[in-house]
Full PDB file with SEQRES, HELIX, SHEET, SSBOND, CRYST1, ORIGX, SCALE, CONECT and MASTER records, all heavy atoms in Angstrom:
SEQRES   1 A   32  LYS TYR ARG GLY GLN GLY ASN MET GLN GLU MET GLY TYR          
SEQRES   2 A   32  TYR PHE VAL GLU TYR LEU SER GLN LYS LYS ILE PRO PHE          
SEQRES   3 A   32  TYR LEU HIS VAL ALA GLU                                      
HELIX    1 AA1 ASN A    7  GLN A   21  1                                  15    
CRYST1    1.000    1.000    1.000  90.00  90.00  90.00 P 1           1          
ORIGX1      1.000000  0.000000  0.000000        0.00000                         
ORIGX2      0.000000  1.000000  0.000000        0.00000                         
ORIGX3      0.000000  0.000000  1.000000        0.00000                         
SCALE1      1.000000  0.000000  0.000000        0.00000                         
SCALE2      0.000000  1.000000  0.000000        0.00000                         
SCALE3      0.000000  0.000000  1.000000        0.00000                         
ATOM      1  N   LYS A   1      71.373 156.646  69.645  1.00  0.00           N  
ATOM      2  CA  LYS A   1      72.752 156.163  69.811  1.00  0.00           C  
ATOM      3  C   LYS A   1      72.787 154.687  70.192  1.00  0.00           C  
ATOM      4  O   LYS A   1      73.774 153.983  69.908  1.00  0.00           O  
ATOM      5  CB  LYS A   1      73.437 157.008  70.887  1.00  0.00           C  
ATOM      6  CG  LYS A   1      74.854 156.601  71.229  1.00  0.00           C  
ATOM      7  CD  LYS A   1      75.408 157.512  72.321  1.00  0.00           C  
ATOM      8  CE  LYS A   1      76.798 157.085  72.754  1.00  0.00           C  
ATOM      9  NZ  LYS A   1      77.325 157.957  73.842  1.00  0.00           N  
ATOM     10  N   TYR A   2      71.727 154.191  70.820  1.00  0.00           N  
ATOM     11  CA  TYR A   2      71.724 152.825  71.346  1.00  0.00           C  
ATOM     12  C   TYR A   2      70.795 151.892  70.568  1.00  0.00           C  
ATOM     13  O   TYR A   2      70.511 150.778  71.015  1.00  0.00           O  
ATOM     14  CB  TYR A   2      71.325 152.848  72.821  1.00  0.00           C  
ATOM     15  CG  TYR A   2      72.305 153.617  73.673  1.00  0.00           C  
ATOM     16  CD1 TYR A   2      72.029 154.924  74.074  1.00  0.00           C  
ATOM     17  CD2 TYR A   2      73.514 153.048  74.051  1.00  0.00           C  
ATOM     18  CE1 TYR A   2      72.931 155.640  74.836  1.00  0.00           C  
ATOM     19  CE2 TYR A   2      74.429 153.750  74.810  1.00  0.00           C  
ATOM     20  CZ  TYR A   2      74.139 155.048  75.204  1.00  0.00           C  
ATOM     21  OH  TYR A   2      75.038 155.761  75.951  1.00  0.00           O  
ATOM     22  N   ARG A   3      70.336 152.333  69.398  1.00  0.00           N  
ATOM     23  CA  ARG A   3      69.485 151.465  68.590  1.00  0.00           C  
ATOM     24  C   ARG A   3      70.325 150.397  67.885  1.00  0.00           C  
ATOM     25  O   ARG A   3      71.509 150.584  67.634  1.00  0.00           O  
ATOM     26  CB  ARG A   3      68.704 152.302  67.572  1.00  0.00           C  
ATOM     27  CG  ARG A   3      67.663 153.194  68.238  1.00  0.00           C  
ATOM     28  CD  ARG A   3      66.973 154.122  67.274  1.00  0.00           C  
ATOM     29  NE  ARG A   3      66.072 155.033  68.002  1.00  0.00           N  
ATOM     30  CZ  ARG A   3      65.468 156.080  67.465  1.00  0.00           C  
ATOM     31  NH1 ARG A   3      65.639 156.348  66.170  1.00  0.00           N  
ATOM     32  NH2 ARG A   3      64.696 156.848  68.203  1.00  0.00           N  
ATOM     33  N   GLY A   4      69.685 149.285  67.558  1.00  0.00           N  
ATOM     34  CA  GLY A   4      70.383 148.201  66.877  1.00  0.00           C  
ATOM     35  C   GLY A   4      71.299 147.405  67.775  1.00  0.00           C  
ATOM     36  O   GLY A   4      72.166 146.673  67.294  1.00  0.00           O  
ATOM     37  N   GLN A   5      71.108 147.531  69.093  1.00  0.00           N  
ATOM     38  CA  GLN A   5      71.983 146.837  70.043  1.00  0.00           C  
ATOM     39  C   GLN A   5      71.232 145.798  70.881  1.00  0.00           C  
ATOM     40  O   GLN A   5      71.762 145.277  71.852  1.00  0.00           O  
ATOM     41  CB  GLN A   5      72.671 147.861  70.953  1.00  0.00           C  
ATOM     42  CG  GLN A   5      73.541 148.850  70.181  1.00  0.00           C  
ATOM     43  CD  GLN A   5      74.206 149.878  71.087  1.00  0.00           C  
ATOM     44  OE1 GLN A   5      74.202 149.737  72.308  1.00  0.00           O  
ATOM     45  NE2 GLN A   5      74.776 150.911  70.498  1.00  0.00           N  
ATOM     46  N   GLY A   6      70.003 145.518  70.515  1.00  0.00           N  
ATOM     47  CA  GLY A   6      69.254 144.482  71.217  1.00  0.00           C  
ATOM     48  C   GLY A   6      68.599 144.921  72.505  1.00  0.00           C  
ATOM     49  O   GLY A   6      68.109 144.087  73.272  1.00  0.00           O  
ATOM     50  N   ASN A   7      68.536 146.227  72.762  1.00  0.00           N  
ATOM     51  CA  ASN A   7      67.970 146.690  74.029  1.00  0.00           C  
ATOM     52  C   ASN A   7      66.469 146.430  74.121  1.00  0.00           C  
ATOM     53  O   ASN A   7      65.958 146.052  75.180  1.00  0.00           O  
ATOM     54  CB  ASN A   7      68.256 148.187  74.205  1.00  0.00           C  
ATOM     55  CG  ASN A   7      69.735 148.464  74.372  1.00  0.00           C  
ATOM     56  OD1 ASN A   7      70.414 147.753  75.100  1.00  0.00           O  
ATOM     57  ND2 ASN A   7      70.228 149.467  73.682  1.00  0.00           N  
ATOM     58  N   MET A   8      65.750 146.661  73.022  1.00  0.00           N  
ATOM     59  CA  MET A   8      64.310 146.398  73.038  1.00  0.00           C  
ATOM     60  C   MET A   8      64.031 144.905  73.222  1.00  0.00           C  
ATOM     61  O   MET A   8      63.051 144.516  73.860  1.00  0.00           O  
ATOM     62  CB  MET A   8      63.657 146.914  71.758  1.00  0.00           C  
ATOM     63  CG  MET A   8      63.299 148.391  71.792  1.00  0.00           C  
ATOM     64  SD  MET A   8      61.981 148.721  72.984  1.00  0.00           S  
ATOM     65  CE  MET A   8      61.778 150.497  72.749  1.00  0.00           C  
ATOM     66  N   GLN A   9      64.865 144.054  72.655  1.00  0.00           N  
ATOM     67  CA  GLN A   9      64.702 142.614  72.859  1.00  0.00           C  
ATOM     68  C   GLN A   9      64.877 142.266  74.336  1.00  0.00           C  
ATOM     69  O   GLN A   9      64.084 141.520  74.912  1.00  0.00           O  
ATOM     70  CB  GLN A   9      65.720 141.835  72.026  1.00  0.00           C  
ATOM     71  CG  GLN A   9      65.443 141.846  70.536  1.00  0.00           C  
ATOM     72  CD  GLN A   9      66.408 140.959  69.771  1.00  0.00           C  
ATOM     73  OE1 GLN A   9      67.323 140.390  70.343  1.00  0.00           O  
ATOM     74  NE2 GLN A   9      66.193 140.860  68.479  1.00  0.00           N  
ATOM     75  N   GLU A  10      65.924 142.814  74.936  1.00  0.00           N  
ATOM     76  CA  GLU A  10      66.188 142.550  76.353  1.00  0.00           C  
ATOM     77  C   GLU A  10      65.029 143.021  77.218  1.00  0.00           C  
ATOM     78  O   GLU A  10      64.537 142.300  78.095  1.00  0.00           O  
ATOM     79  CB  GLU A  10      67.475 143.267  76.772  1.00  0.00           C  
ATOM     80  CG  GLU A  10      67.823 143.162  78.244  1.00  0.00           C  
ATOM     81  CD  GLU A  10      68.284 141.776  78.644  1.00  0.00           C  
ATOM     82  OE1 GLU A  10      68.718 141.019  77.756  1.00  0.00           O  
ATOM     83  OE2 GLU A  10      68.212 141.456  79.848  1.00  0.00           O  
ATOM     84  N   MET A  11      64.567 144.234  76.970  1.00  0.00           N  
ATOM     85  CA  MET A  11      63.458 144.785  77.747  1.00  0.00           C  
ATOM     86  C   MET A  11      62.162 144.038  77.452  1.00  0.00           C  
ATOM     87  O   MET A  11      61.336 143.832  78.339  1.00  0.00           O  
ATOM     88  CB  MET A  11      63.304 146.275  77.439  1.00  0.00           C  
ATOM     89  CG  MET A  11      62.253 146.971  78.288  1.00  0.00           C  
ATOM     90  SD  MET A  11      62.259 148.757  78.037  1.00  0.00           S  
ATOM     91  CE  MET A  11      61.832 148.860  76.292  1.00  0.00           C  
ATOM     92  N   GLY A  12      61.996 143.616  76.188  1.00  0.00           N  
ATOM     93  CA  GLY A  12      60.809 142.877  75.806  1.00  0.00           C  
ATOM     94  C   GLY A  12      60.661 141.598  76.600  1.00  0.00           C  
ATOM     95  O   GLY A  12      59.567 141.286  77.093  1.00  0.00           O  
ATOM     96  N   TYR A  13      61.748 140.848  76.746  1.00  0.00           N  
ATOM     97  CA  TYR A  13      61.655 139.641  77.547  1.00  0.00           C  
ATOM     98  C   TYR A  13      61.287 139.993  78.990  1.00  0.00           C  
ATOM     99  O   TYR A  13      60.446 139.342  79.619  1.00  0.00           O  
ATOM    100  CB  TYR A  13      62.951 138.823  77.543  1.00  0.00           C  
ATOM    101  CG  TYR A  13      62.830 137.730  78.560  1.00  0.00           C  
ATOM    102  CD1 TYR A  13      62.011 136.631  78.316  1.00  0.00           C  
ATOM    103  CD2 TYR A  13      63.401 137.880  79.820  1.00  0.00           C  
ATOM    104  CE1 TYR A  13      61.789 135.694  79.285  1.00  0.00           C  
ATOM    105  CE2 TYR A  13      63.175 136.942  80.802  1.00  0.00           C  
ATOM    106  CZ  TYR A  13      62.375 135.851  80.530  1.00  0.00           C  
ATOM    107  OH  TYR A  13      62.135 134.929  81.505  1.00  0.00           O  
ATOM    108  N   TYR A  14      61.892 141.052  79.508  1.00  0.00           N  
ATOM    109  CA  TYR A  14      61.676 141.437  80.898  1.00  0.00           C  
ATOM    110  C   TYR A  14      60.211 141.770  81.162  1.00  0.00           C  
ATOM    111  O   TYR A  14      59.611 141.292  82.124  1.00  0.00           O  
ATOM    112  CB  TYR A  14      62.577 142.623  81.238  1.00  0.00           C  
ATOM    113  CG  TYR A  14      62.498 143.108  82.655  1.00  0.00           C  
ATOM    114  CD1 TYR A  14      62.693 142.243  83.735  1.00  0.00           C  
ATOM    115  CD2 TYR A  14      62.246 144.449  82.935  1.00  0.00           C  
ATOM    116  CE1 TYR A  14      62.633 142.686  85.036  1.00  0.00           C  
ATOM    117  CE2 TYR A  14      62.182 144.909  84.234  1.00  0.00           C  
ATOM    118  CZ  TYR A  14      62.370 144.026  85.287  1.00  0.00           C  
ATOM    119  OH  TYR A  14      62.309 144.485  86.575  1.00  0.00           O  
ATOM    120  N   PHE A  15      59.603 142.588  80.289  1.00  0.00           N  
ATOM    121  CA  PHE A  15      58.215 142.952  80.570  1.00  0.00           C  
ATOM    122  C   PHE A  15      57.248 141.811  80.282  1.00  0.00           C  
ATOM    123  O   PHE A  15      56.222 141.670  80.960  1.00  0.00           O  
ATOM    124  CB  PHE A  15      57.800 144.272  79.900  1.00  0.00           C  
ATOM    125  CG  PHE A  15      57.550 144.280  78.423  1.00  0.00           C  
ATOM    126  CD1 PHE A  15      56.509 143.572  77.851  1.00  0.00           C  
ATOM    127  CD2 PHE A  15      58.334 145.062  77.585  1.00  0.00           C  
ATOM    128  CE1 PHE A  15      56.257 143.615  76.485  1.00  0.00           C  
ATOM    129  CE2 PHE A  15      58.096 145.117  76.222  1.00  0.00           C  
ATOM    130  CZ  PHE A  15      57.049 144.388  75.664  1.00  0.00           C  
ATOM    131  N   VAL A  16      57.550 140.960  79.296  1.00  0.00           N  
ATOM    132  CA  VAL A  16      56.698 139.796  79.057  1.00  0.00           C  
ATOM    133  C   VAL A  16      56.695 138.885  80.287  1.00  0.00           C  
ATOM    134  O   VAL A  16      55.636 138.435  80.752  1.00  0.00           O  
ATOM    135  CB  VAL A  16      57.177 139.020  77.814  1.00  0.00           C  
ATOM    136  CG1 VAL A  16      56.526 137.639  77.752  1.00  0.00           C  
ATOM    137  CG2 VAL A  16      56.851 139.798  76.546  1.00  0.00           C  
ATOM    138  N   GLU A  17      57.874 138.635  80.841  1.00  0.00           N  
ATOM    139  CA  GLU A  17      57.981 137.770  82.017  1.00  0.00           C  
ATOM    140  C   GLU A  17      57.281 138.398  83.227  1.00  0.00           C  
ATOM    141  O   GLU A  17      56.490 137.747  83.919  1.00  0.00           O  
ATOM    142  CB  GLU A  17      59.450 137.512  82.344  1.00  0.00           C  
ATOM    143  CG  GLU A  17      59.649 136.612  83.556  1.00  0.00           C  
ATOM    144  CD  GLU A  17      61.119 136.427  83.889  1.00  0.00           C  
ATOM    145  OE1 GLU A  17      61.845 137.436  83.943  1.00  0.00           O  
ATOM    146  OE2 GLU A  17      61.536 135.276  84.118  1.00  0.00           O  
ATOM    147  N   TYR A  18      57.547 139.684  83.452  1.00  0.00           N  
ATOM    148  CA  TYR A  18      56.997 140.372  84.623  1.00  0.00           C  
ATOM    149  C   TYR A  18      55.473 140.392  84.581  1.00  0.00           C  
ATOM    150  O   TYR A  18      54.792 140.017  85.545  1.00  0.00           O  
ATOM    151  CB  TYR A  18      57.548 141.799  84.676  1.00  0.00           C  
ATOM    152  CG  TYR A  18      57.014 142.641  85.818  1.00  0.00           C  
ATOM    153  CD1 TYR A  18      57.690 142.711  87.027  1.00  0.00           C  
ATOM    154  CD2 TYR A  18      55.837 143.387  85.676  1.00  0.00           C  
ATOM    155  CE1 TYR A  18      57.214 143.487  88.076  1.00  0.00           C  
ATOM    156  CE2 TYR A  18      55.358 144.165  86.721  1.00  0.00           C  
ATOM    157  CZ  TYR A  18      56.039 144.208  87.916  1.00  0.00           C  
ATOM    158  OH  TYR A  18      55.559 144.978  88.938  1.00  0.00           O  
ATOM    159  N   LEU A  19      54.902 140.836  83.466  1.00  0.00           N  
ATOM    160  CA  LEU A  19      53.456 140.984  83.362  1.00  0.00           C  
ATOM    161  C   LEU A  19      52.751 139.627  83.340  1.00  0.00           C  
ATOM    162  O   LEU A  19      51.660 139.480  83.891  1.00  0.00           O  
ATOM    163  CB  LEU A  19      53.100 141.801  82.125  1.00  0.00           C  
ATOM    164  CG  LEU A  19      53.615 143.251  82.129  1.00  0.00           C  
ATOM    165  CD1 LEU A  19      53.375 143.907  80.778  1.00  0.00           C  
ATOM    166  CD2 LEU A  19      52.954 144.062  83.242  1.00  0.00           C  
ATOM    167  N   SER A  20      53.377 138.654  82.690  1.00  0.00           N  
ATOM    168  CA  SER A  20      52.766 137.326  82.625  1.00  0.00           C  
ATOM    169  C   SER A  20      52.715 136.678  83.999  1.00  0.00           C  
ATOM    170  O   SER A  20      51.702 136.075  84.380  1.00  0.00           O  
ATOM    171  CB  SER A  20      53.544 136.433  81.657  1.00  0.00           C  
ATOM    172  OG  SER A  20      53.545 136.988  80.363  1.00  0.00           O  
ATOM    173  N   GLN A  21      53.784 136.814  84.762  1.00  0.00           N  
ATOM    174  CA  GLN A  21      53.801 136.216  86.095  1.00  0.00           C  
ATOM    175  C   GLN A  21      52.784 136.867  87.020  1.00  0.00           C  
ATOM    176  O   GLN A  21      52.200 136.216  87.884  1.00  0.00           O  
ATOM    177  CB  GLN A  21      55.205 136.315  86.690  1.00  0.00           C  
ATOM    178  CG  GLN A  21      56.207 135.385  86.035  1.00  0.00           C  
ATOM    179  CD  GLN A  21      57.595 135.492  86.636  1.00  0.00           C  
ATOM    180  OE1 GLN A  21      57.884 136.382  87.441  1.00  0.00           O  
ATOM    181  NE2 GLN A  21      58.475 134.581  86.246  1.00  0.00           N  
ATOM    182  N   LYS A  22      52.538 138.157  86.824  1.00  0.00           N  
ATOM    183  CA  LYS A  22      51.576 138.869  87.658  1.00  0.00           C  
ATOM    184  C   LYS A  22      50.155 138.830  87.071  1.00  0.00           C  
ATOM    185  O   LYS A  22      49.239 139.444  87.629  1.00  0.00           O  
ATOM    186  CB  LYS A  22      52.024 140.318  87.853  1.00  0.00           C  
ATOM    187  CG  LYS A  22      53.276 140.446  88.706  1.00  0.00           C  
ATOM    188  CD  LYS A  22      53.626 141.886  89.001  1.00  0.00           C  
ATOM    189  CE  LYS A  22      54.813 141.988  89.940  1.00  0.00           C  
ATOM    190  NZ  LYS A  22      54.525 141.460  91.298  1.00  0.00           N  
ATOM    191  N   LYS A  23      50.011 138.135  85.937  1.00  0.00           N  
ATOM    192  CA  LYS A  23      48.705 137.976  85.282  1.00  0.00           C  
ATOM    193  C   LYS A  23      48.063 139.310  84.921  1.00  0.00           C  
ATOM    194  O   LYS A  23      46.845 139.506  85.059  1.00  0.00           O  
ATOM    195  CB  LYS A  23      47.770 137.132  86.152  1.00  0.00           C  
ATOM    196  CG  LYS A  23      48.302 135.744  86.486  1.00  0.00           C  
ATOM    197  CD  LYS A  23      47.284 134.934  87.256  1.00  0.00           C  
ATOM    198  CE  LYS A  23      47.846 133.602  87.735  1.00  0.00           C  
ATOM    199  NZ  LYS A  23      48.351 132.744  86.689  1.00  0.00           N  
ATOM    200  N   ILE A  24      48.893 140.249  84.472  1.00  0.00           N  
ATOM    201  CA  ILE A  24      48.409 141.545  84.011  1.00  0.00           C  
ATOM    202  C   ILE A  24      48.275 141.489  82.491  1.00  0.00           C  
ATOM    203  O   ILE A  24      49.250 141.192  81.797  1.00  0.00           O  
ATOM    204  CB  ILE A  24      49.390 142.672  84.399  1.00  0.00           C  
ATOM    205  CG1 ILE A  24      49.558 142.730  85.914  1.00  0.00           C  
ATOM    206  CG2 ILE A  24      48.904 144.022  83.869  1.00  0.00           C  
ATOM    207  CD1 ILE A  24      50.625 143.716  86.374  1.00  0.00           C  
ATOM    208  N   PRO A  25      47.096 141.756  81.935  1.00  0.00           N  
ATOM    209  CA  PRO A  25      46.973 141.756  80.473  1.00  0.00           C  
ATOM    210  C   PRO A  25      47.797 142.890  79.878  1.00  0.00           C  
ATOM    211  O   PRO A  25      47.991 143.925  80.519  1.00  0.00           O  
ATOM    212  CB  PRO A  25      45.472 141.979  80.246  1.00  0.00           C  
ATOM    213  CG  PRO A  25      44.979 142.634  81.492  1.00  0.00           C  
ATOM    214  CD  PRO A  25      45.835 142.109  82.611  1.00  0.00           C  
ATOM    215  N   PHE A  26      48.263 142.696  78.660  1.00  0.00           N  
ATOM    216  CA  PHE A  26      49.046 143.753  78.023  1.00  0.00           C  
ATOM    217  C   PHE A  26      48.977 143.610  76.512  1.00  0.00           C  
ATOM    218  O   PHE A  26      48.756 142.532  75.974  1.00  0.00           O  
ATOM    219  CB  PHE A  26      50.503 143.738  78.501  1.00  0.00           C  
ATOM    220  CG  PHE A  26      51.248 142.462  78.201  1.00  0.00           C  
ATOM    221  CD1 PHE A  26      52.020 142.346  77.056  1.00  0.00           C  
ATOM    222  CD2 PHE A  26      51.172 141.380  79.076  1.00  0.00           C  
ATOM    223  CE1 PHE A  26      52.707 141.176  76.781  1.00  0.00           C  
ATOM    224  CE2 PHE A  26      51.855 140.199  78.803  1.00  0.00           C  
ATOM    225  CZ  PHE A  26      52.626 140.100  77.655  1.00  0.00           C  
ATOM    226  N   TYR A  27      49.178 144.717  75.840  1.00  0.00           N  
ATOM    227  CA  TYR A  27      49.160 144.789  74.382  1.00  0.00           C  
ATOM    228  C   TYR A  27      49.779 146.123  74.019  1.00  0.00           C  
ATOM    229  O   TYR A  27      50.087 146.947  74.904  1.00  0.00           O  
ATOM    230  CB  TYR A  27      47.720 144.678  73.847  1.00  0.00           C  
ATOM    231  CG  TYR A  27      46.783 145.702  74.448  1.00  0.00           C  
ATOM    232  CD1 TYR A  27      46.478 146.888  73.781  1.00  0.00           C  
ATOM    233  CD2 TYR A  27      46.203 145.502  75.711  1.00  0.00           C  
ATOM    234  CE1 TYR A  27      45.637 147.839  74.341  1.00  0.00           C  
ATOM    235  CE2 TYR A  27      45.362 146.445  76.277  1.00  0.00           C  
ATOM    236  CZ  TYR A  27      45.089 147.608  75.593  1.00  0.00           C  
ATOM    237  OH  TYR A  27      44.274 148.554  76.144  1.00  0.00           O  
ATOM    238  N   LEU A  28      49.987 146.388  72.759  1.00  0.00           N  
ATOM    239  CA  LEU A  28      50.577 147.656  72.351  1.00  0.00           C  
ATOM    240  C   LEU A  28      50.247 147.954  70.907  1.00  0.00           C  
ATOM    241  O   LEU A  28      49.846 147.068  70.154  1.00  0.00           O  
ATOM    242  CB  LEU A  28      52.082 147.672  72.582  1.00  0.00           C  
ATOM    243  CG  LEU A  28      52.977 146.677  71.827  1.00  0.00           C  
ATOM    244  CD1 LEU A  28      54.415 147.142  71.875  1.00  0.00           C  
ATOM    245  CD2 LEU A  28      52.915 145.287  72.453  1.00  0.00           C  
ATOM    246  N   HIS A  29      50.406 149.217  70.538  1.00  0.00           N  
ATOM    247  CA  HIS A  29      50.192 149.593  69.141  1.00  0.00           C  
ATOM    248  C   HIS A  29      51.464 150.224  68.602  1.00  0.00           C  
ATOM    249  O   HIS A  29      52.272 150.790  69.343  1.00  0.00           O  
ATOM    250  CB  HIS A  29      49.004 150.552  69.002  1.00  0.00           C  
ATOM    251  CG  HIS A  29      49.306 151.963  69.407  1.00  0.00           C  
ATOM    252  ND1 HIS A  29      49.105 152.446  70.670  1.00  0.00           N  
ATOM    253  CD2 HIS A  29      49.804 153.010  68.689  1.00  0.00           C  
ATOM    254  CE1 HIS A  29      49.453 153.719  70.739  1.00  0.00           C  
ATOM    255  NE2 HIS A  29      49.884 154.086  69.549  1.00  0.00           N  
ATOM    256  N   VAL A  30      51.633 150.110  67.294  1.00  0.00           N  
ATOM    257  CA  VAL A  30      52.824 150.629  66.627  1.00  0.00           C  
ATOM    258  C   VAL A  30      52.388 151.271  65.318  1.00  0.00           C  
ATOM    259  O   VAL A  30      51.535 150.734  64.606  1.00  0.00           O  
ATOM    260  CB  VAL A  30      53.855 149.502  66.334  1.00  0.00           C  
ATOM    261  CG1 VAL A  30      55.100 150.064  65.656  1.00  0.00           C  
ATOM    262  CG2 VAL A  30      54.231 148.775  67.622  1.00  0.00           C  
ATOM    263  N   ALA A  31      52.979 152.404  64.990  1.00  0.00           N  
ATOM    264  CA  ALA A  31      52.657 153.094  63.744  1.00  0.00           C  
ATOM    265  C   ALA A  31      52.898 152.181  62.546  1.00  0.00           C  
ATOM    266  O   ALA A  31      53.803 151.339  62.549  1.00  0.00           O  
ATOM    267  CB  ALA A  31      53.492 154.366  63.620  1.00  0.00           C  
ATOM    268  N   GLU A  32      52.087 152.359  61.517  1.00  0.00           N  
ATOM    269  CA  GLU A  32      52.180 151.529  60.317  1.00  0.00           C  
ATOM    270  C   GLU A  32      53.575 151.567  59.700  1.00  0.00           C  
ATOM    271  O   GLU A  32      54.053 150.587  59.120  1.00  0.00           O  
ATOM    272  CB  GLU A  32      51.155 152.009  59.279  1.00  0.00           C  
ATOM    273  CG  GLU A  32      49.705 151.970  59.746  1.00  0.00           C  
ATOM    274  CD  GLU A  32      49.028 150.652  59.432  1.00  0.00           C  
ATOM    275  OE1 GLU A  32      49.669 149.795  58.786  1.00  0.00           O  
ATOM    276  OE2 GLU A  32      47.861 150.493  59.830  1.00  0.00           O  
TER     277      GLU A  32                                                      
MASTER        0    0    0    1    0    0    0    6  276    1    0    3          
END                                                                             
């Protein structure tokens, strides 16, 4: 119901900022 509304973009910035500031490495995988 909430797809296509920019929520992943919003959360993406949040986790990039949070993990980068704390110097925690991160990565992810996505189905082909």
